[in-house]
């Protein structure tokens, strides 16, 4: 089996696993809506709340995707699939899921909160970047933590801090969600920063998160080949 075929198989198997968790899939759709509609349409804060809801849903999907497949990863390694193929397969599926959520919620945000938006295109860009960085964040947390409860608490902490701290502080800039949040702030006139800075921050965050996830993944599913017996 080629590397591409193994990668597609991982994505397909992960999709089957998520589809079996129907309650999780429903929550992935309802959570962003709950985040967004909890804020009145007249409040500018609703835009950030809705985008953070998309981030939470996508990152949670990545987290559960990793934790739910920990027993399968060693078998994939024994079958000759390197760690990067497992990561790429999950990335393919989770990015599709993330972009589907963006396609669903972007029109809602643009129509309900349009009075607060100066540049609708930047809102769509920010949501897409939010999905991309959230996939990497969910994979990293799932690769590092041992169980779903710990992973969920870490995710709540990261998302909660990202929503709470001012965007112009060093703490906010150190978080992976700062780039999309900065672009949302530019699109609504809250910030006079640059889109390039937000995109660059997102790209660096994704690379760092995936590097940590890959390192943790390799340590867990590493195959030790026995030494040949002496003759």
Foldseek 3Di string as FASTA:
>chain_A
DDLVVLLQVLLVVLVVVVVVVVVLVVCLQVQLVCQQVVDALVDPLSLVSSLLSLLLSLLLSLLCSLQVCLVVLLVCVVVPHDLVSNVSSLLVNSLVVSVVSLVVCLVVCCVSNVVQFQDSVLSSVLSSLSSLLSNLNSLLLNLPDNDSVVSSVVSCVLSVVCSPDDLPDPVNLVHLSSLSVVSSCVRRVNDPDDNVVSVVSSVVSSVVSNVNSSVSSCVSNPDDDDDDDDD
